[in-house]
C-alpha atoms as a PDB file:
ATOM      1  CA  MET A   1      93.474  73.332 101.430  1.00  0.00           C
ATOM      2  CA  LEU A   2      94.978  71.633 104.324  1.00  0.00           C
ATOM      3  CA  THR A   3      98.371  72.556 103.310  1.00  0.00           C
ATOM      4  CA  THR A   4      97.456  76.137 103.014  1.00  0.00           C
ATOM      5  CA  LEU A   5      95.802  76.085 106.525  1.00  0.00           C
ATOM      6  CA  LEU A   6      98.949  74.640 108.087  1.00  0.00           C
ATOM      7  CA  ILE A   7     101.001  77.433 106.316  1.00  0.00           C
ATOM      8  CA  PHE A   8      98.672  79.943 107.799  1.00  0.00           C
ATOM      9  CA  LEU A   9      99.182  78.431 111.367  1.00  0.00           C
ATOM     10  CA  VAL A  10     103.020  78.544 110.934  1.00  0.00           C
ATOM     11  CA  MET A  11     102.698  82.111 109.867  1.00  0.00           C
ATOM     12  CA  GLY A  12     100.586  82.936 112.856  1.00  0.00           C
ATOM     13  CA  THR A  13     103.013  81.383 115.314  1.00  0.00           C
ATOM     14  CA  VAL A  14     105.910  83.411 113.895  1.00  0.00           C
ATOM     15  CA  ALA A  15     103.965  86.528 113.507  1.00  0.00           C
ATOM     16  CA  GLY A  16     102.820  86.229 117.315  1.00  0.00           C
ATOM     17  CA  LEU A  17     106.349  85.790 118.628  1.00  0.00           C
ATOM     18  CA  ILE A  18     107.421  88.950 116.639  1.00  0.00           C
ATOM     19  CA  ALA A  19     104.409  90.925 117.933  1.00  0.00           C
ATOM     20  CA  GLY A  20     105.203  90.025 121.461  1.00  0.00           C
ATOM     21  CA  MET A  21     108.918  90.697 121.182  1.00  0.00           C
ATOM     22  CA  PHE A  22     109.030  93.888 119.096  1.00  0.00           C
ATOM     23  CA  GLY A  23     105.469  95.399 119.309  1.00  0.00           C
ATOM     24  CA  VAL A  24     105.234  95.448 115.554  1.00  0.00           C
ATOM     25  CA  GLY A  25     102.052  93.407 115.177  1.00  0.00           C
ATOM     26  CA  GLY A  26     103.494  90.781 112.932  1.00  0.00           C
ATOM     27  CA  GLY A  27     102.471  92.473 109.777  1.00  0.00           C
ATOM     28  CA  VAL A  28     105.955  92.664 108.535  1.00  0.00           C
ATOM     29  CA  ILE A  29     105.927  88.835 108.308  1.00  0.00           C
ATOM     30  CA  ILE A  30     102.236  88.308 107.362  1.00  0.00           C
ATOM     31  CA  VAL A  31     102.138  90.620 104.484  1.00  0.00           C
ATOM     32  CA  PRO A  32     105.143  89.248 102.531  1.00  0.00           C
ATOM     33  CA  ALA A  33     104.129  85.716 103.295  1.00  0.00           C
ATOM     34  CA  LEU A  34     100.508  86.256 102.318  1.00  0.00           C
ATOM     35  CA  VAL A  35     101.619  87.965  99.084  1.00  0.00           C
ATOM     36  CA  TYR A  36     103.581  84.751  98.260  1.00  0.00           C
ATOM     37  CA  VAL A  37     100.847  82.292  99.308  1.00  0.00           C
ATOM     38  CA  PHE A  38      98.168  84.295  97.440  1.00  0.00           C
ATOM     39  CA  SER A  39     100.136  84.307  94.270  1.00  0.00           C
ATOM     40  CA  LEU A  40     100.370  80.483  94.650  1.00  0.00           C
ATOM     41  CA  GLN A  41      96.686  80.377  94.966  1.00  0.00           C
ATOM     42  CA  GLY A  42      96.173  82.216  91.742  1.00  0.00           C
ATOM     43  CA  ILE A  43      94.573  85.271  93.297  1.00  0.00           C
ATOM     44  CA  SER A  44      94.498  88.272  90.778  1.00  0.00           C
ATOM     45  CA  ALA A  45      97.597  90.432  90.995  1.00  0.00           C
ATOM     46  CA  ASP A  46      95.183  93.506  90.866  1.00  0.00           C
ATOM     47  CA  VAL A  47      93.923  92.637  94.480  1.00  0.00           C
ATOM     48  CA  LEU A  48      96.666  90.507  95.898  1.00  0.00           C
ATOM     49  CA  THR A  49      98.766  92.968  97.729  1.00  0.00           C
ATOM     50  CA  HIS A  50      95.678  94.852  99.003  1.00  0.00           C
ATOM     51  CA  LEU A  51      94.075  91.590 100.208  1.00  0.00           C
ATOM     52  CA  ALA A  52      97.407  90.632 102.090  1.00  0.00           C
ATOM     53  CA  VAL A  53      97.410  94.208 103.642  1.00  0.00           C
ATOM     54  CA  GLY A  54      93.772  94.065 104.856  1.00  0.00           C
ATOM     55  CA  SER A  55      94.021  90.509 105.951  1.00  0.00           C
ATOM     56  CA  SER A  56      97.133  91.342 107.897  1.00  0.00           C
ATOM     57  CA  LEU A  57      95.502  94.273 109.749  1.00  0.00           C
ATOM     58  CA  ALA A  58      92.569  91.967 110.700  1.00  0.00           C
ATOM     59  CA  VAL A  59      95.015  89.468 112.225  1.00  0.00           C
ATOM     60  CA  ILE A  60      96.805  92.107 114.090  1.00  0.00           C
ATOM     61  CA  THR A  61      93.484  92.991 115.868  1.00  0.00           C
ATOM     62  CA  VAL A  62      93.748  89.545 117.658  1.00  0.00           C
ATOM     63  CA  THR A  63      97.545  89.592 118.114  1.00  0.00           C
ATOM     64  CA  ALA A  64      97.508  93.094 119.535  1.00  0.00           C
ATOM     65  CA  ILE A  65      94.931  92.163 122.347  1.00  0.00           C
ATOM     66  CA  SER A  66      97.099  89.271 123.517  1.00  0.00           C
ATOM     67  CA  SER A  67     100.216  91.365 123.356  1.00  0.00           C
ATOM     68  CA  VAL A  68      98.952  94.415 125.025  1.00  0.00           C
ATOM     69  CA  LEU A  69      97.611  92.391 128.015  1.00  0.00           C
ATOM     70  CA  ALA A  70     101.016  90.622 128.343  1.00  0.00           C
ATOM     71  CA  HIS A  71     102.979  93.961 128.257  1.00  0.00           C
ATOM     72  CA  HIS A  72     100.484  95.570 130.614  1.00  0.00           C
ATOM     73  CA  ARG A  73     101.044  92.757 133.233  1.00  0.00           C
ATOM     74  CA  ASN A  74     104.711  93.425 132.881  1.00  0.00           C
ATOM     75  CA  GLY A  75     104.131  97.172 133.636  1.00  0.00           C
ATOM     76  CA  PHE A  76     105.739  98.580 130.491  1.00  0.00           C
ATOM     77  CA  VAL A  77     102.767 100.093 128.655  1.00  0.00           C
ATOM     78  CA  GLN A  78     102.933 103.941 128.952  1.00  0.00           C
ATOM     79  CA  TRP A  79      99.221 104.660 128.747  1.00  0.00           C
ATOM     80  CA  HIS A  80      99.586 108.427 129.067  1.00  0.00           C
ATOM     81  CA  VAL A  81     101.583 108.516 125.929  1.00  0.00           C
ATOM     82  CA  PHE A  82      98.953 106.144 124.242  1.00  0.00           C
ATOM     83  CA  ARG A  83      95.998 108.368 125.107  1.00  0.00           C
ATOM     84  CA  VAL A  84      97.786 111.392 123.607  1.00  0.00           C
ATOM     85  CA  MET A  85      98.565 109.393 120.340  1.00  0.00           C
ATOM     86  CA  LEU A  86      95.094 107.748 119.886  1.00  0.00           C
ATOM     87  CA  PRO A  87      93.391 110.446 117.639  1.00  0.00           C
ATOM     88  CA  GLY A  88      96.294 110.686 115.472  1.00  0.00           C
ATOM     89  CA  LEU A  89      96.465 106.891 115.024  1.00  0.00           C
ATOM     90  CA  VAL A  90      92.816 106.646 113.981  1.00  0.00           C
ATOM     91  CA  PHE A  91      92.717 109.540 111.579  1.00  0.00           C
ATOM     92  CA  GLY A  92      95.949 108.392 109.969  1.00  0.00           C
ATOM     93  CA  VAL A  93      95.013 104.805 109.369  1.00  0.00           C
ATOM     94  CA  VAL A  94      91.635 105.615 107.928  1.00  0.00           C
ATOM     95  CA  GLY A  95      92.914 108.187 105.588  1.00  0.00           C
ATOM     96  CA  GLY A  96      95.799 105.910 104.715  1.00  0.00           C
ATOM     97  CA  VAL A  97      93.531 103.105 103.547  1.00  0.00           C
ATOM     98  CA  MET A  98      91.796 105.556 101.177  1.00  0.00           C
ATOM     99  CA  VAL A  99      95.222 106.179  99.616  1.00  0.00           C
ATOM    100  CA  ALA A 100      96.525 102.604  99.630  1.00  0.00           C
ATOM    101  CA  VAL A 101      93.573 101.076  97.598  1.00  0.00           C
ATOM    102  CA  ASN A 102      94.605 103.352  94.731  1.00  0.00           C
ATOM    103  CA  ILE A 103      98.265 102.338  94.697  1.00  0.00           C
ATOM    104  CA  PRO A 104      99.471  99.375  92.374  1.00  0.00           C
ATOM    105  CA  GLY A 105     100.484  96.493  94.554  1.00  0.00           C
ATOM    106  CA  HIS A 106     104.014  96.094  93.288  1.00  0.00           C
ATOM    107  CA  ILE A 107     104.727  99.808  94.121  1.00  0.00           C
ATOM    108  CA  LEU A 108     103.388  99.212  97.768  1.00  0.00           C
ATOM    109  CA  GLN A 109     105.724  96.196  98.011  1.00  0.00           C
ATOM    110  CA  TRP A 110     108.862  98.092  96.835  1.00  0.00           C
ATOM    111  CA  THR A 111     108.053 101.157  99.007  1.00  0.00           C
ATOM    112  CA  MET A 112     107.553  98.887 102.031  1.00  0.00           C
ATOM    113  CA  GLY A 113     110.919  97.182 101.551  1.00  0.00           C
ATOM    114  CA  CYS A 114     112.775 100.545 101.340  1.00  0.00           C
ATOM    115  CA  PHE A 115     111.021 101.813 104.305  1.00  0.00           C
ATOM    116  CA  LEU A 116     111.904  98.734 106.526  1.00  0.00           C
ATOM    117  CA  ILE A 117     115.545  98.915 105.452  1.00  0.00           C
ATOM    118  CA  VAL A 118     115.856 102.650 106.493  1.00  0.00           C
ATOM    119  CA  VAL A 119     114.183 101.900 109.782  1.00  0.00           C
ATOM    120  CA  ALA A 120     116.582  99.058 110.427  1.00  0.00           C
ATOM    121  CA  LEU A 121     119.686 101.214 109.654  1.00  0.00           C
ATOM    122  CA  GLN A 122     118.357 103.841 112.185  1.00  0.00           C
ATOM    123  CA  MET A 123     117.764 101.327 114.882  1.00  0.00           C
ATOM    124  CA  ARG A 124     121.279  99.581 114.389  1.00  0.00           C
ATOM    125  CA  LEU A 125     123.512 102.463 113.486  1.00  0.00           C
ATOM    126  CA  ALA A 126     121.710 105.346 115.220  1.00  0.00           C
ATOM    127  CA  LEU A 127     121.915 107.570 112.165  1.00  0.00           C
ATOM    128  CA  VAL A 128     119.862 110.095 114.071  1.00  0.00           C
ATOM    129  CA  PRO A 129     121.007 110.085 117.784  1.00  0.00           C
ATOM    130  CA  THR A 130     118.375 109.336 120.401  1.00  0.00           C
ATOM    131  CA  ARG A 131     117.621 111.959 123.196  1.00  0.00           C
ATOM    132  CA  GLU A 132     118.059 111.535 126.911  1.00  0.00           C
ATOM    133  CA  GLU A 133     115.676 109.053 128.525  1.00  0.00           C
ATOM    134  CA  GLY A 134     112.432 110.367 129.709  1.00  0.00           C
ATOM    135  CA  ASN A 135     112.636 113.665 127.445  1.00  0.00           C
ATOM    136  CA  LEU A 136     109.368 112.943 125.590  1.00  0.00           C
ATOM    137  CA  PRO A 137     108.028 115.654 123.343  1.00  0.00           C
ATOM    138  CA  GLY A 138     104.738 117.430 123.682  1.00  0.00           C
ATOM    139  CA  ALA A 139     101.291 116.367 122.501  1.00  0.00           C
ATOM    140  CA  PRO A 140     101.575 118.106 118.945  1.00  0.00           C
ATOM    141  CA  VAL A 141     104.695 115.970 118.158  1.00  0.00           C
ATOM    142  CA  LEU A 142     103.191 112.797 119.506  1.00  0.00           C
ATOM    143  CA  LEU A 143     100.026 113.397 117.499  1.00  0.00           C
ATOM    144  CA  GLY A 144     101.952 114.037 114.370  1.00  0.00           C
ATOM    145  CA  GLY A 145     104.047 110.940 114.821  1.00  0.00           C
ATOM    146  CA  ALA A 146     100.867 108.855 115.422  1.00  0.00           C
ATOM    147  CA  GLY A 147      99.318 110.269 112.201  1.00  0.00           C
ATOM    148  CA  VAL A 148     102.261 109.204 110.278  1.00  0.00           C
ATOM    149  CA  THR A 149     102.257 105.848 111.869  1.00  0.00           C
ATOM    150  CA  GLY A 150      98.673 105.370 111.014  1.00  0.00           C
ATOM    151  CA  ILE A 151      99.287 106.171 107.354  1.00  0.00           C
ATOM    152  CA  ILE A 152     102.138 103.655 107.209  1.00  0.00           C
ATOM    153  CA  SER A 153     100.110 101.066 108.886  1.00  0.00           C
ATOM    154  CA  ALA A 154      97.349 101.368 106.389  1.00  0.00           C
ATOM    155  CA  LEU A 155      99.718 101.415 103.392  1.00  0.00           C
ATOM    156  CA  PHE A 156     101.766  98.346 104.489  1.00  0.00           C
ATOM    157  CA  GLY A 157      99.376  96.293 106.802  1.00  0.00           C
ATOM    158  CA  VAL A 158     101.698  96.580 109.661  1.00  0.00           C
ATOM    159  CA  GLY A 159     100.809  97.284 113.397  1.00  0.00           C
ATOM    160  CA  GLY A 160     102.712 100.515 113.420  1.00  0.00           C
ATOM    161  CA  GLY A 161     105.738  99.252 115.459  1.00  0.00           C
ATOM    162  CA  THR A 162     108.049  99.755 112.695  1.00  0.00           C
ATOM    163  CA  ILE A 163     107.611 103.513 113.206  1.00  0.00           C
ATOM    164  CA  THR A 164     106.412 103.795 116.645  1.00  0.00           C
ATOM    165  CA  VAL A 165     109.198 101.893 118.445  1.00  0.00           C
ATOM    166  CA  PRO A 166     111.957 103.887 116.626  1.00  0.00           C
ATOM    167  CA  PHE A 167     109.942 107.062 117.126  1.00  0.00           C
ATOM    168  CA  LEU A 168     109.649 106.586 120.770  1.00  0.00           C
ATOM    169  CA  THR A 169     113.119 105.361 121.432  1.00  0.00           C
ATOM    170  CA  PHE A 170     114.395 108.478 119.584  1.00  0.00           C
ATOM    171  CA  PHE A 171     112.822 110.544 122.217  1.00  0.00           C
ATOM    172  CA  GLY A 172     114.499 108.596 125.108  1.00  0.00           C
ATOM    173  CA  MET A 173     111.940 105.997 125.956  1.00  0.00           C
ATOM    174  CA  ARG A 174     113.343 102.676 127.118  1.00  0.00           C
ATOM    175  CA  MET A 175     113.035  99.879 124.498  1.00  0.00           C
ATOM    176  CA  GLN A 176     110.864  97.649 126.541  1.00  0.00           C
ATOM    177  CA  GLN A 177     108.597 100.571 127.228  1.00  0.00           C
ATOM    178  CA  ALA A 178     108.572 101.456 123.458  1.00  0.00           C
ATOM    179  CA  VAL A 179     107.760  97.983 122.391  1.00  0.00           C
ATOM    180  CA  ALA A 180     104.811  97.715 124.845  1.00  0.00           C
ATOM    181  CA  THR A 181     103.328 101.112 124.020  1.00  0.00           C
ATOM    182  CA  SER A 182     103.635 100.378 120.431  1.00  0.00           C
ATOM    183  CA  ALA A 183     101.713  97.008 120.880  1.00  0.00           C
ATOM    184  CA  ALA A 184      98.937  99.315 122.589  1.00  0.00           C
ATOM    185  CA  CYS A 185      98.913 101.651 119.600  1.00  0.00           C
ATOM    186  CA  GLY A 186      98.690  98.716 117.247  1.00  0.00           C
ATOM    187  CA  LEU A 187      95.200  97.743 118.452  1.00  0.00           C
ATOM    188  CA  PRO A 188      93.275 100.829 117.249  1.00  0.00           C
ATOM    189  CA  LEU A 189      95.272 100.781 114.166  1.00  0.00           C
ATOM    190  CA  ALA A 190      94.395  97.323 113.361  1.00  0.00           C
ATOM    191  CA  VAL A 191      90.709  97.630 114.221  1.00  0.00           C
ATOM    192  CA  PHE A 192      90.122 100.782 112.113  1.00  0.00           C
ATOM    193  CA  GLY A 193      92.431  99.690 109.398  1.00  0.00           C
ATOM    194  CA  ALA A 194      90.875  96.284 108.960  1.00  0.00           C
ATOM    195  CA  THR A 195      87.349  97.867 108.927  1.00  0.00           C
ATOM    196  CA  SER A 196      88.283 100.435 106.422  1.00  0.00           C
ATOM    197  CA  ASN A 197      89.778  97.764 104.147  1.00  0.00           C
ATOM    198  CA  ILE A 198      86.484  95.718 104.393  1.00  0.00           C
ATOM    199  CA  VAL A 199      84.557  98.826 103.232  1.00  0.00           C
ATOM    200  CA  ALA A 200      87.045  99.925 100.601  1.00  0.00           C
ATOM    201  CA  GLY A 201      87.362  96.608  98.926  1.00  0.00           C
ATOM    202  CA  TRP A 202      83.710  95.528  99.113  1.00  0.00           C
ATOM    203  CA  GLN A 203      82.486  93.972  95.992  1.00  0.00           C
ATOM    204  CA  THR A 204      85.844  94.680  94.229  1.00  0.00           C
ATOM    205  CA  PRO A 205      86.235  92.261  91.125  1.00  0.00           C
ATOM    206  CA  GLY A 206      88.794  89.494  91.356  1.00  0.00           C
ATOM    207  CA  LEU A 207      88.355  88.747  95.059  1.00  0.00           C
ATOM    208  CA  PRO A 208      88.428  85.161  96.137  1.00  0.00           C
ATOM    209  CA  ASP A 209      85.567  83.427  97.967  1.00  0.00           C
ATOM    210  CA  TYR A 210      85.359  84.040 101.722  1.00  0.00           C
ATOM    211  CA  ALA A 211      86.816  87.496 101.296  1.00  0.00           C
ATOM    212  CA  LEU A 212      85.144  90.391 103.041  1.00  0.00           C
ATOM    213  CA  GLY A 213      86.421  93.338 101.067  1.00  0.00           C
ATOM    214  CA  TYR A 214      90.193  93.213 101.326  1.00  0.00           C
ATOM    215  CA  VAL A 215      90.074  90.765 104.270  1.00  0.00           C
ATOM    216  CA  TYR A 216      90.415  87.137 103.496  1.00  0.00           C
ATOM    217  CA  LEU A 217      88.806  85.186 106.228  1.00  0.00           C
ATOM    218  CA  PRO A 218      90.582  81.632 105.914  1.00  0.00           C
ATOM    219  CA  ALA A 219      93.907  83.408 106.401  1.00  0.00           C
ATOM    220  CA  VAL A 220      92.734  85.562 109.302  1.00  0.00           C
ATOM    221  CA  ILE A 221      91.218  82.633 111.218  1.00  0.00           C
ATOM    222  CA  GLY A 222      94.328  80.374 110.706  1.00  0.00           C
ATOM    223  CA  ILE A 223      96.925  82.970 111.570  1.00  0.00           C
ATOM    224  CA  ALA A 224      94.937  84.370 114.451  1.00  0.00           C
ATOM    225  CA  VAL A 225      94.506  80.986 116.090  1.00  0.00           C
ATOM    226  CA  ALA A 226      98.243  80.515 116.402  1.00  0.00           C
ATOM    227  CA  SER A 227      99.424  84.107 116.797  1.00  0.00           C
ATOM    228  CA  ALA A 228      97.587  85.054 120.033  1.00  0.00           C
ATOM    229  CA  PRO A 229      99.259  82.444 122.367  1.00  0.00           C
ATOM    230  CA  ALA A 230     102.699  83.053 120.591  1.00  0.00           C
ATOM    231  CA  ALA A 231     102.354  86.740 121.329  1.00  0.00           C
ATOM    232  CA  LYS A 232     102.362  85.980 125.046  1.00  0.00           C
ATOM    233  CA  VAL A 233     105.604  83.992 124.671  1.00  0.00           C
ATOM    234  CA  GLY A 234     107.181  86.759 122.688  1.00  0.00           C
ATOM    235  CA  ALA A 235     106.361  89.419 125.284  1.00  0.00           C
ATOM    236  CA  GLN A 236     107.991  87.275 127.954  1.00  0.00           C
ATOM    237  CA  ILE A 237     111.104  86.929 125.775  1.00  0.00           C
ATOM    238  CA  ALA A 238     111.200  90.707 125.322  1.00  0.00           C
ATOM    239  CA  LYS A 239     110.958  91.233 129.095  1.00  0.00           C
ATOM    240  CA  ASN A 240     114.210  89.056 129.708  1.00  0.00           C
ATOM    241  CA  LEU A 241     116.298  90.763 126.850  1.00  0.00           C
ATOM    242  CA  SER A 242     118.489  93.865 127.331  1.00  0.00           C
ATOM    243  CA  ASP A 243     117.681  97.033 125.363  1.00  0.00           C
ATOM    244  CA  THR A 244     120.938  96.499 123.213  1.00  0.00           C
ATOM    245  CA  LYS A 245     120.071  92.882 122.237  1.00  0.00           C
ATOM    246  CA  LEU A 246     116.338  93.774 121.469  1.00  0.00           C
ATOM    247  CA  LYS A 247     117.512  96.642 119.213  1.00  0.00           C
ATOM    248  CA  ARG A 248     120.043  94.460 117.312  1.00  0.00           C
ATOM    249  CA  ILE A 249     117.671  91.598 116.793  1.00  0.00           C
ATOM    250  CA  PHE A 250     114.818  94.081 115.646  1.00  0.00           C
ATOM    251  CA  ALA A 251     117.120  95.819 113.136  1.00  0.00           C
ATOM    252  CA  ILE A 252     118.460  92.576 111.542  1.00  0.00           C
ATOM    253  CA  PHE A 253     114.894  91.254 111.247  1.00  0.00           C
ATOM    254  CA  LEU A 254     113.582  94.409 109.613  1.00  0.00           C
ATOM    255  CA  ALA A 255     116.516  94.511 107.135  1.00  0.00           C
ATOM    256  CA  MET A 256     115.946  90.897 106.041  1.00  0.00           C
ATOM    257  CA  ILE A 257     112.252  91.385 105.442  1.00  0.00           C
ATOM    258  CA  GLY A 258     112.783  94.755 103.643  1.00  0.00           C
ATOM    259  CA  ALA A 259     115.251  93.158 101.277  1.00  0.00           C
ATOM    260  CA  SER A 260     112.956  90.337 100.470  1.00  0.00           C
ATOM    261  CA  MET A 261     110.042  92.702  99.735  1.00  0.00           C
ATOM    262  CA  ILE A 262     112.131  94.801  97.301  1.00  0.00           C
ATOM    263  CA  ALA A 263     113.283  91.540  95.695  1.00  0.00           C
ATOM    264  CA  LYS A 264     109.678  90.345  95.246  1.00  0.00           C
ATOM    265  CA  ALA A 265     108.533  93.690  93.951  1.00  0.00           C
ATOM    266  CA  THR A 266     111.453  93.795  91.253  1.00  0.00           C
ATOM    267  CA  GLY A 267     110.952  90.212  90.125  1.00  0.00           C
ATOM    268  CA  ILE A 268     114.310  88.862  91.401  1.00  0.00           C
ATOM    269  CA  PHE A 269     112.269  86.108  93.134  1.00  0.00           C
END
């Protein structure tokens, strides 16, 4: 048990740094890592991936608070954009959870891996060119993008930054502002997503002890304890990096995680 707790603490530190730097909530690290750890614990394959997704969203609730406060102090959060996107985020994530619980775990893993690689290619190679800085779309487009973000967050247990950051930078928002605004969007996604996973997974057969629906409390506590302070450090690192460097690091990171998810889903390792 002690070894498992130490693993959760290390995961929390890495996830917190990533959340602060990239505004992605840390789920792209937490979900693959939890899938691996849960499989070693002998948790049923029928609930393993869904448990990882729900637990990740619960952790992101804590991580996002710390990350948002740090980015707000740096002056990068675009609150007027957040307010427009909020309804789409909430409806998207609640609906997405209802869909996710009916999808087999290995399909979720494979789909998430492909999604992360596509996003990484867009960020690194600019397959779809970005627009001029400051040329943000109107409310309908922002709401639509927020709805898609909510669905993806629910399916893959991520804070939404993997879609929100590229979405906002495509429309010309500076990388630091996009990361900070994405972190703000991640908080309602995590709160409503985690709550929906608790309800959807309540009394599901095969869940381990100390699980509330699809949220595993030992993992949430261990990861959250380490992730909150690490998120502050990550936000400070992001503040001191240029847009170009931040995009490059973000793209490489996403591609590596995406490839590992595909390999896991297809049984390569």
